[in-house]
N, C-alpha and C. Protein backbone atom coordinates (compact mmCIF):
# COMPACT_ATOMS: atom_id res chain seq x y z
N MET A 1 56.40 37.30 95.79
CA MET A 1 57.10 38.12 94.83
C MET A 1 58.42 38.61 95.42
N THR A 2 58.43 38.81 96.72
CA THR A 2 59.67 39.25 97.37
C THR A 2 60.76 38.21 97.20
N LYS A 3 60.38 36.96 97.36
CA LYS A 3 61.35 35.88 97.20
C LYS A 3 61.87 35.84 95.76
N LEU A 4 60.99 36.02 94.80
CA LEU A 4 61.43 36.05 93.40
C LEU A 4 62.42 37.18 93.18
N TYR A 5 62.12 38.33 93.74
CA TYR A 5 63.00 39.49 93.61
C TYR A 5 64.38 39.19 94.19
N ARG A 6 64.39 38.65 95.40
CA ARG A 6 65.67 38.34 96.05
C ARG A 6 66.48 37.32 95.26
N GLU A 7 65.80 36.27 94.79
CA GLU A 7 66.50 35.24 94.03
C GLU A 7 67.05 35.79 92.72
N ALA A 8 66.31 36.65 92.07
CA ALA A 8 66.78 37.26 90.82
C ALA A 8 67.96 38.18 91.12
N ARG A 9 67.85 38.95 92.16
CA ARG A 9 68.92 39.89 92.53
C ARG A 9 70.21 39.16 92.92
N ASN A 10 70.06 38.01 93.54
CA ASN A 10 71.22 37.22 93.97
C ASN A 10 71.74 36.29 92.87
N GLY A 11 71.10 36.32 91.71
CA GLY A 11 71.56 35.51 90.59
C GLY A 11 71.11 34.06 90.63
N LYS A 12 70.22 33.72 91.56
CA LYS A 12 69.71 32.35 91.65
C LYS A 12 68.61 32.08 90.63
N LEU A 13 68.04 33.15 90.09
CA LEU A 13 66.94 33.04 89.14
C LEU A 13 67.17 34.08 88.06
N LYS A 14 66.97 33.67 86.82
CA LYS A 14 67.14 34.61 85.71
C LYS A 14 66.09 35.72 85.83
N ILE A 15 66.50 36.93 85.47
CA ILE A 15 65.59 38.08 85.53
C ILE A 15 64.35 37.81 84.69
N GLU A 16 64.53 37.20 83.51
CA GLU A 16 63.39 36.93 82.63
C GLU A 16 62.40 35.99 83.29
N ASP A 17 62.92 34.97 83.96
CA ASP A 17 62.05 34.01 84.65
C ASP A 17 61.32 34.67 85.82
N ALA A 18 62.04 35.48 86.57
CA ALA A 18 61.42 36.19 87.69
C ALA A 18 60.32 37.11 87.20
N SER A 19 60.57 37.77 86.08
CA SER A 19 59.57 38.67 85.50
C SER A 19 58.32 37.91 85.09
N ARG A 20 58.51 36.78 84.43
CA ARG A 20 57.36 35.97 84.00
C ARG A 20 56.56 35.46 85.20
N LEU A 21 57.27 34.95 86.20
CA LEU A 21 56.59 34.42 87.38
C LEU A 21 55.86 35.52 88.15
N THR A 22 56.46 36.69 88.23
CA THR A 22 55.80 37.81 88.89
C THR A 22 54.53 38.20 88.15
N HIS A 23 54.60 38.21 86.84
CA HIS A 23 53.42 38.53 86.03
C HIS A 23 52.31 37.51 86.29
N ILE A 24 52.66 36.24 86.33
CA ILE A 24 51.67 35.19 86.59
C ILE A 24 51.05 35.39 87.98
N LEU A 25 51.88 35.67 88.98
CA LEU A 25 51.35 35.90 90.33
C LEU A 25 50.42 37.10 90.38
N MET A 26 50.75 38.13 89.64
CA MET A 26 49.88 39.31 89.60
C MET A 26 48.54 38.97 88.95
N LEU A 27 48.56 38.16 87.90
CA LEU A 27 47.30 37.75 87.26
C LEU A 27 46.45 36.91 88.21
N ILE A 28 47.10 36.02 88.94
CA ILE A 28 46.37 35.21 89.92
C ILE A 28 45.74 36.11 90.98
N GLY A 29 46.50 37.09 91.45
CA GLY A 29 45.98 38.04 92.44
C GLY A 29 44.78 38.80 91.93
N LYS A 30 44.84 39.25 90.68
CA LYS A 30 43.71 39.98 90.09
C LYS A 30 42.49 39.08 89.96
N THR A 31 42.72 37.80 89.66
CA THR A 31 41.62 36.84 89.56
C THR A 31 40.93 36.70 90.91
N PHE A 32 41.72 36.56 91.97
CA PHE A 32 41.15 36.47 93.32
C PHE A 32 40.37 37.73 93.67
N GLU A 33 40.91 38.88 93.34
CA GLU A 33 40.22 40.15 93.62
C GLU A 33 38.88 40.20 92.90
N ALA A 34 38.88 39.81 91.63
CA ALA A 34 37.64 39.85 90.85
C ALA A 34 36.61 38.88 91.41
N THR A 35 37.06 37.70 91.79
CA THR A 35 36.15 36.70 92.35
C THR A 35 35.56 37.21 93.66
N ASP A 36 36.41 37.77 94.50
CA ASP A 36 35.94 38.32 95.77
C ASP A 36 34.94 39.44 95.54
N LEU A 37 35.22 40.30 94.60
CA LEU A 37 34.31 41.41 94.29
C LEU A 37 32.96 40.90 93.80
N GLU A 38 32.99 39.88 92.94
CA GLU A 38 31.73 39.31 92.43
C GLU A 38 30.91 38.71 93.57
N GLU A 39 31.58 38.01 94.50
CA GLU A 39 30.87 37.41 95.62
C GLU A 39 30.27 38.49 96.53
N ARG A 40 31.01 39.54 96.78
CA ARG A 40 30.50 40.62 97.62
C ARG A 40 29.32 41.32 96.97
N LEU A 41 29.42 41.53 95.66
CA LEU A 41 28.33 42.17 94.93
C LEU A 41 27.08 41.31 94.98
N ALA A 42 27.23 40.01 94.81
CA ALA A 42 26.09 39.10 94.88
C ALA A 42 25.44 39.16 96.26
N GLN A 43 26.25 39.24 97.30
CA GLN A 43 25.71 39.35 98.66
C GLN A 43 24.94 40.65 98.84
N LEU A 44 25.49 41.73 98.34
CA LEU A 44 24.80 43.02 98.45
C LEU A 44 23.50 43.02 97.67
N GLU A 45 23.52 42.43 96.49
CA GLU A 45 22.30 42.35 95.69
C GLU A 45 21.25 41.51 96.39
N GLY A 46 21.69 40.46 97.08
CA GLY A 46 20.77 39.62 97.84
C GLY A 46 20.14 40.37 99.00
N LEU A 47 20.89 41.25 99.62
CA LEU A 47 20.37 42.05 100.73
C LEU A 47 19.36 43.08 100.25
N ALA A 48 19.54 43.58 99.05
CA ALA A 48 18.67 44.63 98.52
C ALA A 48 17.30 44.09 98.12
N GLN A 49 17.20 42.80 97.95
CA GLN A 49 15.92 42.23 97.48
C GLN A 49 14.98 41.95 98.59
């Protein structure tokens, strides 16, 4: 995201495109977080049994 910011600020990338790409990256990050959380929860549930 830092690279997107720099490129948008330097005029190498349109602000609109940088915004869209940043949004996509944030969604991907949230997906990874959710997947990691589900895996950890499954491990904890397995330990409790």
